[in-house]
Amino acid sequence: MSDFIIQAIEKGIIETLQMTFWSSLFAYLIGLPLGVLLYATAKGRLLQNRAVNAVVGFIVNIMRSLPFLILLVLLIPFTRIIVGSSIGTKATIVPLTVGAIPIIARMVESSLCEVQPGIIEAAKSMGASPIYTIIHFLIPEAVPSLLQGAAINIATVLGYSAMAGTIGGGGLGALAMQYGYYRYQKDVLWTTVLLLVIMVMLIQEGGAFLAKKKRKI
């Protein structure tokens, strides 16, 4: 491969990492509270509220049911409003964030459901309020599972970022399309695929390591 291609790959790696990091961060800022809300307002939970749970669950389910490529297209006008463009690395962060929010919300809800009911009962017997119980008992107990879920979610966002390259997103996905597919440079295509696989594996192994370490504490 030429020096130009090598530089393009290096730039693609940086752009992919940037998109993955910022999208995951923004998605968790919204998805984590949503997941907690879904758990807490369910029947028999700390803040049981059937109406809130039904509405939030309905919205999350609709968002999850949309294929990411369709979501990319649907969000083009919204993306233009937010960042002034619908292509490039910054623009891709918007649909990546929106697409990851419902996945994170359900993953967080699932992690919280794994917490032993006895812990919540113990918190109640100590006179802890529902909010205090969630913050100081429920979430800390769910941290190992949340870490494993975070690794899966971040890896999913990474995969979505590559998919965004098909409609003008930056990163390794765009590189694979421009050079590997349209220009028939198979070495570039397979290099980007290999890099994406390695990045996903590192993220998943990192999440598993942190979760295992947290369980031993």
Protein backbone atom coordinates (compact mmCIF):
# COMPACT_ATOMS: atom_id res chain seq x y z
CA MET A 1 0.00 0.00 0.00
CA SER A 2 1.12 3.53 -0.74
CA ASP A 3 2.00 6.11 1.92
CA PHE A 4 -1.21 7.96 1.04
CA ILE A 5 -3.34 4.90 1.80
CA ILE A 6 -1.47 4.24 5.05
CA GLN A 7 -2.10 7.84 6.13
CA ALA A 8 -5.75 7.49 5.15
CA ILE A 9 -6.04 4.34 7.27
CA GLU A 10 -4.43 6.09 10.25
CA LYS A 11 -6.87 8.97 9.84
CA GLY A 12 -9.74 6.48 9.53
CA ILE A 13 -8.76 4.80 12.80
CA ILE A 14 -8.71 8.14 14.62
CA GLU A 15 -12.07 9.17 13.15
CA THR A 16 -13.63 5.82 14.04
CA LEU A 17 -12.40 6.07 17.62
CA GLN A 18 -13.67 9.66 17.88
CA MET A 19 -17.11 8.72 16.57
CA THR A 20 -17.32 5.69 18.84
CA PHE A 21 -16.21 7.55 21.96
CA TRP A 22 -18.41 10.63 21.62
CA SER A 23 -21.45 8.70 20.41
CA SER A 24 -21.17 6.21 23.27
CA LEU A 25 -20.69 9.01 25.80
CA PHE A 26 -23.69 11.02 24.62
CA ALA A 27 -25.82 7.88 24.28
CA TYR A 28 -25.04 6.82 27.85
CA LEU A 29 -25.90 10.25 29.20
CA ILE A 30 -29.43 9.65 27.92
CA GLY A 31 -29.68 5.86 27.74
CA LEU A 32 -28.52 5.17 31.32
CA PRO A 33 -31.25 7.29 32.98
CA LEU A 34 -33.80 5.85 30.55
CA GLY A 35 -32.78 2.31 31.50
CA VAL A 36 -33.05 3.14 35.19
CA LEU A 37 -36.48 4.69 34.56
CA LEU A 38 -37.66 1.60 32.69
CA TYR A 39 -36.57 -0.62 35.56
CA ALA A 40 -37.81 1.56 38.40
CA THR A 41 -41.27 2.22 36.95
CA ALA A 42 -42.01 -1.41 36.08
CA LYS A 43 -44.65 -3.34 38.02
CA GLY A 44 -43.55 -4.09 41.56
CA ARG A 45 -40.47 -1.87 41.34
CA LEU A 46 -39.36 1.10 43.42
CA LEU A 47 -41.17 3.79 41.43
CA GLN A 48 -43.95 1.75 39.88
CA ASN A 49 -45.79 3.81 37.28
CA ARG A 50 -47.56 1.93 34.55
CA ALA A 51 -48.17 4.95 32.29
CA VAL A 52 -44.57 6.20 32.35
CA ASN A 53 -43.19 2.71 31.85
CA ALA A 54 -45.52 2.05 28.91
CA VAL A 55 -44.71 5.34 27.15
CA VAL A 56 -40.95 5.12 27.62
CA GLY A 57 -40.93 1.44 26.69
CA PHE A 58 -42.97 2.13 23.55
CA ILE A 59 -40.57 4.87 22.39
CA VAL A 60 -37.51 2.72 23.10
CA ASN A 61 -38.99 -0.26 21.26
CA ILE A 62 -39.79 1.82 18.18
CA MET A 63 -36.26 3.24 18.09
CA ARG A 64 -34.75 -0.23 18.49
CA SER A 65 -36.85 -1.65 15.68
CA LEU A 66 -35.47 0.75 13.06
CA PRO A 67 -32.52 -0.59 11.03
CA PHE A 68 -29.55 1.72 11.45
CA LEU A 69 -29.24 2.57 7.75
CA ILE A 70 -32.87 3.69 7.68
CA LEU A 71 -32.30 5.70 10.85
CA LEU A 72 -29.32 7.39 9.19
CA VAL A 73 -31.50 8.56 6.33
CA LEU A 74 -34.41 9.61 8.53
CA LEU A 75 -32.15 11.71 10.74
CA ILE A 76 -30.45 13.64 7.91
CA PRO A 77 -32.59 16.79 8.42
CA PHE A 78 -32.10 16.64 12.20
CA THR A 79 -28.36 16.08 11.77
CA ARG A 80 -28.10 19.13 9.52
CA ILE A 81 -29.83 21.23 12.17
CA ILE A 82 -27.47 20.02 14.89
CA VAL A 83 -24.09 20.15 13.13
CA GLY A 84 -24.84 21.95 9.86
CA SER A 85 -24.03 18.95 7.66
CA SER A 86 -25.20 15.39 7.08
CA ILE A 87 -21.83 13.90 6.09
CA GLY A 88 -18.49 13.54 7.81
CA THR A 89 -17.30 12.44 11.23
CA LYS A 90 -19.15 15.05 13.30
CA ALA A 91 -22.42 14.50 11.46
CA THR A 92 -22.22 10.74 11.98
CA ILE A 93 -22.08 11.16 15.76
CA VAL A 94 -25.72 12.32 15.79
CA PRO A 95 -27.36 9.18 14.30
CA LEU A 96 -24.89 6.96 16.12
CA THR A 97 -25.98 8.50 19.41
CA VAL A 98 -29.68 8.23 18.61
CA GLY A 99 -29.29 4.64 17.43
CA ALA A 100 -27.39 3.59 20.55
CA ILE A 101 -29.73 5.17 23.13
CA PRO A 102 -32.50 2.49 23.02
CA ILE A 103 -29.96 -0.34 23.01
CA ILE A 104 -28.26 1.10 26.08
CA ALA A 105 -31.58 1.71 27.82
CA ARG A 106 -32.64 -1.92 27.46
CA MET A 107 -29.18 -3.19 28.38
CA VAL A 108 -29.17 -1.08 31.55
CA GLU A 109 -32.66 -2.27 32.44
CA SER A 110 -31.56 -5.88 31.99
CA SER A 111 -28.47 -5.36 34.17
CA LEU A 112 -30.53 -3.84 36.97
CA CYS A 113 -32.96 -6.75 36.83
CA GLU A 114 -30.05 -9.07 37.72
CA VAL A 115 -29.60 -7.42 41.12
CA GLN A 116 -30.82 -9.64 43.96
CA PRO A 117 -34.15 -8.41 45.41
CA GLY A 118 -32.74 -8.90 48.91
CA ILE A 119 -30.44 -5.93 48.44
CA ILE A 120 -33.36 -3.66 47.66
CA GLU A 121 -35.33 -5.04 50.61
CA ALA A 122 -32.36 -4.38 52.89
CA ALA A 123 -32.19 -0.79 51.66
CA LYS A 124 -35.91 -0.34 52.30
CA SER A 125 -35.60 -1.77 55.82
CA MET A 126 -32.93 0.87 56.53
CA GLY A 127 -35.39 3.57 55.55
CA ALA A 128 -33.68 4.48 52.27
CA SER A 129 -35.78 6.41 49.76
CA PRO A 130 -36.33 4.93 46.27
CA ILE A 131 -33.90 7.40 44.66
CA TYR A 132 -31.27 6.76 47.33
CA THR A 133 -31.73 3.01 46.91
CA ILE A 134 -31.23 3.28 43.15
CA ILE A 135 -28.11 5.43 43.40
CA HIS A 136 -26.38 3.84 46.39
CA PHE A 137 -27.53 0.22 46.30
CA LEU A 138 -28.99 -0.80 42.95
CA ILE A 139 -26.53 0.73 40.48
CA PRO A 140 -23.35 -0.17 42.45
CA GLU A 141 -24.51 -3.80 42.65
CA ALA A 142 -25.16 -3.83 38.90
CA VAL A 143 -21.76 -2.35 37.94
CA PRO A 144 -20.15 -5.62 36.73
CA SER A 145 -23.11 -6.38 34.48
CA LEU A 146 -23.23 -2.73 33.36
CA LEU A 147 -19.57 -2.90 32.37
CA GLN A 148 -20.11 -6.00 30.28
CA GLY A 149 -23.12 -4.36 28.69
CA ALA A 150 -21.11 -1.22 28.00
CA ALA A 151 -18.51 -3.26 26.10
CA ILE A 152 -21.25 -4.77 23.93
CA ASN A 153 -22.86 -1.38 23.37
CA ILE A 154 -19.60 0.34 22.44
CA ALA A 155 -18.73 -2.49 20.05
CA THR A 156 -22.18 -2.07 18.49
CA VAL A 157 -21.58 1.66 18.03
CA LEU A 158 -18.24 0.86 16.44
CA GLY A 159 -19.99 -1.43 13.97
CA TYR A 160 -22.60 1.24 13.24
CA SER A 161 -19.83 3.78 12.59
CA ALA A 162 -18.45 1.54 9.85
CA MET A 163 -21.95 1.19 8.39
CA ALA A 164 -22.29 4.98 8.30
CA GLY A 165 -19.46 5.08 5.78
CA THR A 166 -21.91 3.95 3.11
CA ILE A 167 -23.65 7.34 3.11
CA GLY A 168 -20.74 9.70 3.68
CA GLY A 169 -19.73 9.07 7.26
CA GLY A 170 -16.03 9.21 8.08
CA GLY A 171 -13.75 6.60 9.59
CA LEU A 172 -12.75 3.15 8.44
CA GLY A 173 -16.18 2.46 6.96
CA ALA A 174 -15.85 5.34 4.51
CA LEU A 175 -12.33 4.21 3.65
CA ALA A 176 -13.51 0.67 2.96
CA MET A 177 -16.24 1.98 0.64
CA GLN A 178 -14.15 4.56 -1.22
CA TYR A 179 -11.06 2.48 -1.84
CA GLY A 180 -11.93 -1.11 -1.06
CA TYR A 181 -15.29 -1.25 -2.83
CA TYR A 182 -15.52 1.50 -5.44
CA ARG A 183 -11.85 1.31 -6.51
CA TYR A 184 -11.51 -2.46 -6.10
CA GLN A 185 -8.53 -2.20 -3.74
CA LYS A 186 -9.10 -5.43 -1.88
CA ASP A 187 -6.05 -4.97 0.34
CA VAL A 188 -7.56 -1.77 1.73
CA LEU A 189 -10.94 -3.47 2.22
CA TRP A 190 -9.53 -6.41 4.15
CA THR A 191 -7.20 -4.19 6.17
CA THR A 192 -10.10 -2.06 7.37
CA VAL A 193 -12.15 -5.16 8.16
CA LEU A 194 -9.26 -6.62 10.16
CA LEU A 195 -8.77 -3.38 12.07
CA LEU A 196 -12.46 -3.19 12.93
CA VAL A 197 -12.45 -6.80 14.15
CA ILE A 198 -9.39 -6.13 16.33
CA MET A 199 -10.97 -2.98 17.78
CA VAL A 200 -14.21 -4.82 18.62
CA MET A 201 -12.29 -7.67 20.26
CA LEU A 202 -10.22 -5.24 22.35
CA ILE A 203 -13.35 -3.44 23.53
CA GLN A 204 -15.11 -6.67 24.48
CA GLU A 205 -12.08 -8.11 26.24
CA GLY A 206 -11.55 -4.83 28.08
CA GLY A 207 -15.15 -4.81 29.26
CA ALA A 208 -14.96 -8.44 30.39
CA PHE A 209 -11.71 -7.77 32.27
CA LEU A 210 -13.13 -4.73 34.09
CA ALA A 211 -16.32 -6.59 34.96
CA LYS A 212 -14.37 -9.57 36.32
CA LYS A 213 -12.11 -7.28 38.33
CA LYS A 214 -15.10 -5.43 39.76
CA ARG A 215 -16.73 -8.69 40.87
CA LYS A 216 -13.62 -9.59 42.90
CA ILE A 217 -13.66 -6.30 44.80
